[in-house]
Amino acid sequence: MASGGDERVEGRGPGLQTTAVHAGTDARQPHAALQVPIYQTATYTFRDTAELTAFMSGEVERMEYGRYGNPTQRAAEEKIAALEGAQDALLFGSGMAAVTTTLLTLLRQGQHVVLTDDCYRRTRQFCRQVLGRLGVEVSVVPADDLAALEAALRPETRVLVTESPTNPYLKVVDIPALAALKKGRSFKIVIDATFATPVNQRPLTQGADLVVHSATKYLGGHNDLLAGVIAGAAPLVQGIRELQAILGGVLDPHAAWLLIRGLKTLPLRVRQQNETAMRLARRLASHPKVDEVFYPGLETHATHEVARRLMSGFGGVVSFTLRADLEATGRFIDAVRIPRIGPSLGGVETLIEQVALMSYFELTTEERLAVGIRDSLVRLSVGLEDADDLEADLLQALEAL
């Protein structure tokens, strides 16, 4: 595999785990505390009008008001920027706030955005329903079809949005090939790398302009916070920061502190999830009651060769279809004992969902098939339980079919 999430940040210096622990943290915190404090304040005061004037004139940098920044938030942003190899990062109250604020910053009436069909459905909805009302044209193309992506580009295209790996079929996008399409064109590549994490892949080093995460997932890692982040070149992030100050999708300081805690163990957690997911994917692929397994680490996956070239690990999500209908698939879901039924991913607890019910309940079987979702599709987000226990649990649940 390639060094998509190289152990060395920027090729030299501390390794990824050392960076996860120490980046964004001063050697000496106030009162000699080891941990970054939670700055639970909405506003910041000034000693006198001279200090206020110096701040307003740009002579000094400091905090002013909670909607524009917080020291705890800033520590988390610096840690994420270091992990991604980015100049800057900006946190939001959710992953969708990060996506929507970014797209509203980059796009104007009369312009065009291309996104892939495997993007998160709420991202697709925002582009079609909200950006469409604002006069932005939207094209949706297959994530693994480079020719279709190139054909969709227009002179007025300003943004190309995709996930890598995608949800739920875990297609890995050839980011360097996308970057090559920028020659002679003026658009930005935005990669939602939530499923990859900077441990398995760093899109900015492969040609992307911005990388976005639902930090609720792997970056937080404990299913106890909501957050989103965008990272990239400082001028791009600054433009998004200015719009965030208007729209207000900020992260609260306590959630930022929880995120810092989670980030410190990110490489350890993701490596374990990579290992367990690969084992489960191989076991499921050999089971007679499993129809197809979608995991980029398997040689049978459509984008396996791209994943091998660009990623250093294949992630903790395994999607698979059963030789079953809607009801029988539900019996399998109900028969597992360790995974909890839930719509998220990336935490220490294994979660499982029947995609047709969790995300596409309002559609008929025929309508779901039209958007590529089979009734028997299962998404498994592997946690940190013992791999032996998870494997045994899945095998006994398959007997319910």
Protein backbone atom coordinates (compact mmCIF):
# COMPACT_ATOMS: atom_id res chain seq x y z
CA MET A 1 0.00 0.00 0.00
CA ALA A 2 1.02 3.58 -0.56
CA SER A 3 1.73 6.07 2.19
CA GLY A 4 -1.67 7.77 2.02
CA GLY A 5 -1.56 8.32 5.77
CA ASP A 6 2.22 8.28 6.18
CA GLU A 7 3.61 7.76 9.66
CA ARG A 8 5.67 10.91 9.12
CA VAL A 9 3.84 14.23 8.76
CA GLU A 10 5.18 16.21 5.77
CA GLY A 11 7.76 13.46 5.24
CA ARG A 12 9.87 14.37 8.28
CA GLY A 13 9.47 15.26 11.90
CA PRO A 14 7.31 13.48 14.43
CA GLY A 15 5.24 10.44 13.54
CA LEU A 16 1.47 10.46 13.25
CA GLN A 17 0.80 9.21 16.78
CA THR A 18 3.18 11.78 18.31
CA THR A 19 1.48 14.48 16.24
CA ALA A 20 -1.95 13.28 17.39
CA VAL A 21 -0.89 13.63 21.03
CA HIS A 22 1.09 16.87 20.98
CA ALA A 23 0.14 19.06 17.98
CA GLY A 24 -1.86 22.17 18.86
CA THR A 25 -0.83 21.96 22.51
CA ASP A 26 1.52 24.37 24.24
CA ALA A 27 4.22 22.79 26.37
CA ARG A 28 2.95 24.81 29.34
CA GLN A 29 -0.78 25.38 29.75
CA PRO A 30 -2.18 27.98 32.18
CA HIS A 31 -1.53 26.94 35.80
CA ALA A 32 0.81 24.19 34.46
CA ALA A 33 -2.16 21.98 33.55
CA LEU A 34 -1.30 19.01 31.35
CA GLN A 35 -4.51 19.19 29.31
CA VAL A 36 -5.85 22.06 27.20
CA PRO A 37 -8.42 23.92 29.33
CA ILE A 38 -12.07 24.22 28.35
CA TYR A 39 -12.48 27.95 27.79
CA GLN A 40 -16.18 28.03 28.59
CA THR A 41 -16.80 31.65 27.71
CA ALA A 42 -18.96 33.43 25.17
CA THR A 43 -17.05 36.70 25.17
CA TYR A 44 -13.56 38.09 25.90
CA THR A 45 -12.92 41.40 27.63
CA PHE A 46 -10.44 44.22 27.02
CA ARG A 47 -8.38 45.98 29.70
CA ASP A 48 -9.05 49.42 28.20
CA THR A 49 -9.90 51.21 24.95
CA ALA A 50 -6.23 51.23 23.94
CA GLU A 51 -6.19 47.43 23.89
CA LEU A 52 -9.46 47.40 21.97
CA THR A 53 -8.07 49.85 19.43
CA ALA A 54 -4.92 47.78 18.98
CA PHE A 55 -7.05 44.69 18.32
CA MET A 56 -9.39 46.43 15.90
CA SER A 57 -6.48 47.90 13.94
CA GLY A 58 -4.84 44.48 13.59
CA GLU A 59 -1.82 45.26 15.76
CA VAL A 60 -2.51 42.31 18.05
CA GLU A 61 -4.21 38.94 17.55
CA ARG A 62 -6.50 37.68 20.28
CA MET A 63 -10.02 36.37 20.88
CA GLU A 64 -12.99 38.72 20.84
CA TYR A 65 -16.27 36.80 20.76
CA GLY A 66 -17.18 33.11 20.88
CA ARG A 67 -18.68 32.97 17.41
CA TYR A 68 -15.31 33.99 15.94
CA GLY A 69 -13.14 31.51 17.84
CA ASN A 70 -12.19 29.92 21.12
CA PRO A 71 -8.76 28.79 22.43
CA THR A 72 -9.96 25.22 22.98
CA GLN A 73 -11.38 25.14 19.47
CA ARG A 74 -8.16 26.57 18.07
CA ALA A 75 -6.06 23.87 19.73
CA ALA A 76 -8.22 21.19 18.11
CA GLU A 77 -7.98 22.92 14.72
CA GLU A 78 -4.19 23.08 14.91
CA LYS A 79 -4.02 19.38 15.78
CA ILE A 80 -6.22 18.43 12.81
CA ALA A 81 -4.27 20.69 10.45
CA ALA A 82 -1.04 18.99 11.52
CA LEU A 83 -2.52 15.53 11.00
CA GLU A 84 -3.79 16.46 7.53
CA GLY A 85 -0.64 18.28 6.45
CA ALA A 86 -2.78 21.42 6.01
CA GLN A 87 -1.94 25.08 6.56
CA ASP A 88 -5.13 25.65 8.51
CA ALA A 89 -8.34 24.00 9.68
CA LEU A 90 -11.72 25.28 10.83
CA LEU A 91 -14.20 23.51 13.10
CA PHE A 92 -17.98 23.56 12.86
CA GLY A 93 -20.90 22.34 14.93
CA SER A 94 -21.44 19.38 12.52
CA GLY A 95 -20.06 17.84 9.36
CA MET A 96 -22.98 19.21 7.35
CA ALA A 97 -22.28 22.72 8.64
CA ALA A 98 -18.72 22.32 7.34
CA VAL A 99 -19.92 21.11 3.93
CA THR A 100 -22.66 23.69 3.45
CA THR A 101 -20.60 26.68 4.62
CA THR A 102 -17.72 25.62 2.37
CA LEU A 103 -19.93 25.28 -0.71
CA LEU A 104 -21.68 28.57 -0.03
CA THR A 105 -18.25 30.22 0.19
CA LEU A 106 -16.96 28.75 -3.06
CA LEU A 107 -20.05 29.02 -5.30
CA ARG A 108 -22.05 31.86 -6.82
CA GLN A 109 -25.17 32.18 -8.97
CA GLY A 110 -24.54 30.98 -12.52
CA GLN A 111 -21.71 28.66 -11.52
CA HIS A 112 -21.62 24.87 -11.56
CA VAL A 113 -20.75 22.09 -9.10
CA VAL A 114 -20.03 18.44 -9.88
CA LEU A 115 -20.61 15.82 -7.20
CA THR A 116 -20.49 12.05 -7.25
CA ASP A 117 -23.47 9.76 -6.88
CA ASP A 118 -22.07 8.02 -3.80
CA CYS A 119 -21.78 11.27 -1.82
CA TYR A 120 -23.61 11.52 1.49
CA ARG A 121 -27.29 11.93 0.64
CA ARG A 122 -27.63 15.14 2.69
CA THR A 123 -24.77 16.67 0.69
CA ARG A 124 -26.60 15.75 -2.52
CA GLN A 125 -29.82 17.19 -1.14
CA PHE A 126 -28.13 20.46 -0.21
CA CYS A 127 -26.62 20.84 -3.66
CA ARG A 128 -29.81 20.04 -5.53
CA GLN A 129 -32.38 21.71 -3.30
CA VAL A 130 -30.55 24.69 -1.78
CA LEU A 131 -27.80 25.54 -4.23
CA GLY A 132 -30.25 24.90 -7.06
CA ARG A 133 -32.57 27.58 -5.67
CA LEU A 134 -29.60 29.95 -5.54
CA GLY A 135 -28.91 29.54 -9.26
CA VAL A 136 -26.05 27.05 -9.00
CA GLU A 137 -26.26 24.18 -11.48
CA VAL A 138 -25.52 20.66 -10.22
CA SER A 139 -24.27 17.56 -12.05
CA VAL A 140 -24.12 14.13 -10.42
CA VAL A 141 -21.79 11.49 -11.89
CA PRO A 142 -20.42 8.06 -10.84
CA ALA A 143 -17.57 8.30 -8.36
CA ASP A 144 -15.40 5.71 -10.10
CA ASP A 145 -15.90 6.95 -13.69
CA LEU A 146 -13.10 9.41 -14.47
CA ALA A 147 -14.30 9.92 -18.04
CA ALA A 148 -17.79 10.86 -16.82
CA LEU A 149 -16.30 13.25 -14.27
CA GLU A 150 -14.22 14.95 -16.95
CA ALA A 151 -17.18 15.14 -19.34
CA ALA A 152 -19.27 16.83 -16.64
CA LEU A 153 -16.81 19.70 -16.23
CA ARG A 154 -17.78 23.04 -17.78
CA PRO A 155 -16.12 26.45 -18.07
CA GLU A 156 -18.37 27.61 -15.20
CA THR A 157 -17.53 24.62 -12.95
CA ARG A 158 -16.03 25.89 -9.71
CA VAL A 159 -16.20 22.91 -7.36
CA LEU A 160 -15.94 19.13 -7.61
CA VAL A 161 -17.16 17.33 -4.48
CA THR A 162 -16.71 13.68 -3.69
CA GLU A 163 -16.12 11.31 -0.80
CA SER A 164 -13.24 8.87 -0.65
CA PRO A 165 -14.00 6.18 0.33
CA THR A 166 -17.63 6.76 -0.56
CA ASN A 167 -20.70 5.76 1.42
CA PRO A 168 -21.97 3.03 1.39
CA TYR A 169 -20.03 1.20 -1.36
CA LEU A 170 -16.58 2.44 -0.30
CA LYS A 171 -15.30 3.46 -3.72
CA VAL A 172 -11.88 5.09 -3.53
CA VAL A 173 -11.48 8.07 -5.83
CA ASP A 174 -8.28 8.57 -7.82
CA ILE A 175 -7.49 12.01 -6.40
CA PRO A 176 -4.26 12.58 -8.40
CA ALA A 177 -6.22 11.83 -11.59
CA LEU A 178 -8.87 14.35 -10.55
CA ALA A 179 -6.16 16.91 -9.84
CA ALA A 180 -4.79 16.38 -13.37
CA LEU A 181 -8.19 17.48 -14.73
CA LYS A 182 -7.62 20.94 -13.23
CA LYS A 183 -5.04 21.82 -15.88
CA GLY A 184 -6.44 24.79 -17.77
CA ARG A 185 -9.54 24.85 -15.57
CA SER A 186 -10.46 26.83 -12.45
CA PHE A 187 -12.27 24.59 -9.98
CA LYS A 188 -11.55 23.36 -6.46
CA ILE A 189 -11.53 19.71 -5.42
CA VAL A 190 -13.28 19.10 -2.08
CA ILE A 191 -12.84 15.61 -0.62
CA ASP A 192 -15.00 14.30 2.21
CA ALA A 193 -12.45 11.98 3.84
CA THR A 194 -14.52 11.02 6.87
CA PHE A 195 -14.23 7.28 6.12
CA ALA A 196 -10.48 7.44 5.45
CA THR A 197 -9.25 9.69 8.28
CA PRO A 198 -5.77 11.25 8.01
CA VAL A 199 -4.39 7.95 9.30
CA ASN A 200 -5.31 6.10 6.10
CA GLN A 201 -5.11 8.92 3.57
CA ARG A 202 -4.29 12.62 3.34
CA PRO A 203 -6.04 13.99 0.21
CA LEU A 204 -4.31 17.38 0.38
CA THR A 205 -0.98 15.72 -0.36
CA GLN A 206 -2.54 13.99 -3.40
CA GLY A 207 -4.00 17.02 -5.15
CA ALA A 208 -7.18 17.98 -3.31
CA ASP A 209 -7.74 21.64 -2.38
CA LEU A 210 -9.87 21.06 0.72
CA VAL A 211 -10.60 18.06 2.90
CA VAL A 212 -13.70 17.82 5.06
CA HIS A 213 -14.58 15.44 7.88
CA SER A 214 -17.59 14.73 9.97
CA ALA A 215 -15.49 14.86 13.14
CA THR A 216 -18.44 13.23 14.87
CA LYS A 217 -17.11 9.97 13.45
CA TYR A 218 -13.50 8.76 13.65
CA LEU A 219 -11.85 12.01 14.73
CA GLY A 220 -13.98 12.19 17.88
CA GLY A 221 -14.17 8.44 18.00
CA HIS A 222 -16.45 7.92 21.02
CA ASN A 223 -19.98 8.64 19.73
CA ASP A 224 -20.33 11.53 22.19
CA LEU A 225 -19.92 14.72 20.18
CA LEU A 226 -21.08 16.46 17.00
CA ALA A 227 -18.48 18.34 14.96
CA GLY A 228 -17.24 19.00 11.44
CA VAL A 229 -13.97 20.32 10.08
CA ILE A 230 -12.55 21.72 6.87
CA ALA A 231 -8.79 21.83 6.23
CA GLY A 232 -6.60 23.19 3.46
CA ALA A 233 -4.61 26.21 2.36
CA ALA A 234 -4.85 29.17 4.75
CA PRO A 235 -6.45 31.62 2.26
CA LEU A 236 -9.21 29.14 1.37
CA VAL A 237 -9.93 28.32 5.00
CA GLN A 238 -9.94 32.02 5.92
CA GLY A 239 -12.64 32.71 3.35
CA ILE A 240 -14.78 29.96 4.85
CA ARG A 241 -14.04 31.28 8.35
CA GLU A 242 -15.41 34.69 7.39
CA LEU A 243 -18.69 33.20 6.18
CA GLN A 244 -18.93 30.97 9.27
CA ALA A 245 -18.82 34.13 11.40
CA ILE A 246 -21.97 35.25 9.57
CA LEU A 247 -23.83 31.93 9.43
CA GLY A 248 -22.85 30.92 12.97
CA GLY A 249 -22.24 27.17 12.62
CA VAL A 250 -19.59 27.16 15.34
CA LEU A 251 -18.40 24.39 17.68
CA ASP A 252 -18.84 24.79 21.41
CA PRO A 253 -15.68 24.62 23.58
CA HIS A 254 -16.66 21.49 25.48
CA ALA A 255 -17.16 19.56 22.23
CA ALA A 256 -13.78 20.90 21.04
CA TRP A 257 -12.18 19.55 24.22
CA LEU A 258 -13.79 16.14 23.71
CA LEU A 259 -12.50 16.20 20.15
CA ILE A 260 -8.94 16.90 21.32
CA ARG A 261 -9.21 13.92 23.65
CA GLY A 262 -10.42 11.70 20.82
CA LEU A 263 -7.76 12.85 18.36
CA LYS A 264 -4.97 11.75 20.70
CA THR A 265 -5.86 8.10 20.17
CA LEU A 266 -6.95 8.37 16.51
CA PRO A 267 -4.02 6.45 14.96
CA LEU A 268 -4.27 3.66 17.53
CA ARG A 269 -8.02 3.28 17.06
CA VAL A 270 -7.99 3.41 13.27
CA ARG A 271 -5.19 0.87 12.91
CA GLN A 272 -7.16 -1.58 15.05
CA GLN A 273 -10.35 -0.92 13.11
CA ASN A 274 -8.50 -1.40 9.82
CA GLU A 275 -7.22 -4.79 10.96
CA THR A 276 -10.55 -6.04 12.27
CA ALA A 277 -12.51 -4.78 9.26
CA MET A 278 -10.18 -6.54 6.84
CA ARG A 279 -10.56 -9.80 8.75
CA LEU A 280 -14.37 -9.53 8.83
CA ALA A 281 -14.56 -8.55 5.15
CA ARG A 282 -12.59 -11.63 4.13
CA ARG A 283 -14.70 -13.91 6.34
CA LEU A 284 -17.97 -12.48 5.06
CA ALA A 285 -16.82 -12.76 1.45
CA SER A 286 -16.36 -16.52 1.91
CA HIS A 287 -19.77 -17.12 3.51
CA PRO A 288 -22.45 -18.77 1.33
CA LYS A 289 -25.23 -16.52 2.66
CA VAL A 290 -23.36 -13.33 1.73
CA ASP A 291 -23.88 -12.18 -1.83
CA GLU A 292 -21.23 -9.45 -2.16
CA VAL A 293 -18.81 -7.60 0.11
CA PHE A 294 -17.76 -4.00 -0.54
CA TYR A 295 -14.42 -3.27 1.11
CA PRO A 296 -11.52 -1.56 -0.68
CA GLY A 297 -9.02 -3.92 0.93
CA LEU A 298 -10.48 -6.89 -0.96
CA GLU A 299 -9.04 -7.71 -4.36
CA THR A 300 -12.61 -8.03 -5.67
CA HIS A 301 -13.49 -4.41 -4.91
CA ALA A 302 -13.94 -2.20 -7.97
CA THR A 303 -11.40 0.37 -6.75
CA HIS A 304 -8.98 -1.94 -4.96
CA GLU A 305 -5.98 -0.95 -7.09
CA VAL A 306 -6.63 2.75 -6.52
CA ALA A 307 -6.97 2.10 -2.79
CA ARG A 308 -3.68 0.18 -2.70
CA ARG A 309 -1.94 3.07 -4.43
CA LEU A 310 -3.39 5.94 -2.39
CA MET A 311 -4.21 4.54 1.05
CA SER A 312 -2.14 3.12 3.88
CA GLY A 313 -5.16 1.37 5.44
CA PHE A 314 -8.61 0.51 4.15
CA GLY A 315 -10.85 1.76 6.95
CA GLY A 316 -13.24 0.41 9.52
CA VAL A 317 -16.47 0.19 7.50
CA VAL A 318 -17.56 -2.97 5.68
CA SER A 319 -20.67 -2.98 3.49
CA PHE A 320 -22.19 -6.21 2.21
CA THR A 321 -25.34 -7.64 0.67
CA LEU A 322 -27.00 -10.85 1.79
CA ARG A 323 -28.75 -13.51 -0.24
CA ALA A 324 -31.99 -12.34 1.35
CA ASP A 325 -34.95 -10.02 0.96
CA LEU A 326 -35.84 -6.99 3.11
CA GLU A 327 -37.44 -9.01 5.91
CA ALA A 328 -34.75 -11.68 6.10
CA THR A 329 -32.04 -9.05 6.19
CA GLY A 330 -33.87 -7.50 9.12
CA ARG A 331 -33.76 -10.86 10.92
CA PHE A 332 -29.99 -10.91 10.48
CA ILE A 333 -29.69 -7.38 11.88
CA ASP A 334 -31.85 -8.31 14.87
CA ALA A 335 -29.81 -11.46 15.52
CA VAL A 336 -26.45 -9.78 16.08
CA ARG A 337 -25.59 -9.30 19.74
CA ILE A 338 -22.57 -7.00 19.89
CA PRO A 339 -23.21 -4.33 17.21
CA ARG A 340 -25.83 -1.73 18.04
CA ILE A 341 -28.29 -0.58 15.39
CA GLY A 342 -27.41 3.04 14.65
CA PRO A 343 -26.81 5.50 11.81
CA SER A 344 -23.28 6.66 12.56
CA LEU A 345 -19.78 5.19 12.34
CA GLY A 346 -16.20 5.56 13.52
CA GLY A 347 -16.68 5.14 17.27
CA VAL A 348 -15.34 2.55 19.69
CA GLU A 349 -18.66 0.66 19.61
CA THR A 350 -19.50 -1.41 16.51
CA LEU A 351 -22.65 -0.15 14.79
CA ILE A 352 -24.75 -1.89 12.16
CA GLU A 353 -27.57 -0.75 9.90
CA GLN A 354 -29.82 -2.01 7.14
CA VAL A 355 -29.33 0.88 4.75
CA ALA A 356 -32.74 0.52 3.09
CA LEU A 357 -34.46 1.13 6.43
CA MET A 358 -32.04 3.57 8.06
CA SER A 359 -31.54 6.01 5.19
CA TYR A 360 -34.10 5.15 2.50
CA PHE A 361 -37.15 4.04 4.47
CA GLU A 362 -39.54 6.30 2.57
CA LEU A 363 -38.71 4.67 -0.79
CA THR A 364 -40.08 1.47 -2.28
CA THR A 365 -37.79 -1.41 -3.19
CA GLU A 366 -37.92 -0.34 -6.83
CA GLU A 367 -37.12 3.27 -5.96
CA ARG A 368 -34.21 2.19 -3.79
CA LEU A 369 -32.82 0.03 -6.59
CA ALA A 370 -33.01 3.03 -8.91
CA VAL A 371 -30.54 4.87 -6.65
CA GLY A 372 -28.35 1.79 -6.16
CA ILE A 373 -29.56 0.65 -2.74
CA ARG A 374 -30.53 -3.00 -2.36
CA ASP A 375 -32.89 -4.14 0.39
CA SER A 376 -30.24 -6.59 1.61
CA LEU A 377 -27.44 -4.00 1.91
CA VAL A 378 -25.85 -3.93 5.37
CA ARG A 379 -23.28 -1.40 6.59
CA LEU A 380 -21.05 -2.46 9.47
CA SER A 381 -18.95 0.17 11.26
CA VAL A 382 -16.31 -1.80 13.13
CA GLY A 383 -15.47 -0.66 16.65
CA LEU A 384 -12.80 -1.77 19.09
CA GLU A 385 -14.31 -5.00 20.36
CA ASP A 386 -12.26 -8.20 20.03
CA ALA A 387 -12.20 -9.38 16.44
CA ASP A 388 -12.88 -12.97 17.55
CA ASP A 389 -16.08 -11.88 19.27
CA LEU A 390 -17.31 -9.82 16.33
CA GLU A 391 -16.62 -12.61 13.84
CA ALA A 392 -18.41 -15.21 15.96
CA ASP A 393 -21.37 -12.88 16.40
CA LEU A 394 -21.77 -12.21 12.67
CA LEU A 395 -21.55 -15.93 11.90
CA GLN A 396 -24.25 -16.87 14.41
CA ALA A 397 -26.48 -14.09 13.08
CA LEU A 398 -26.11 -15.38 9.53
CA GLU A 399 -27.70 -18.57 10.74
CA ALA A 400 -30.93 -16.59 11.22
CA LEU A 401 -31.30 -16.35 7.44
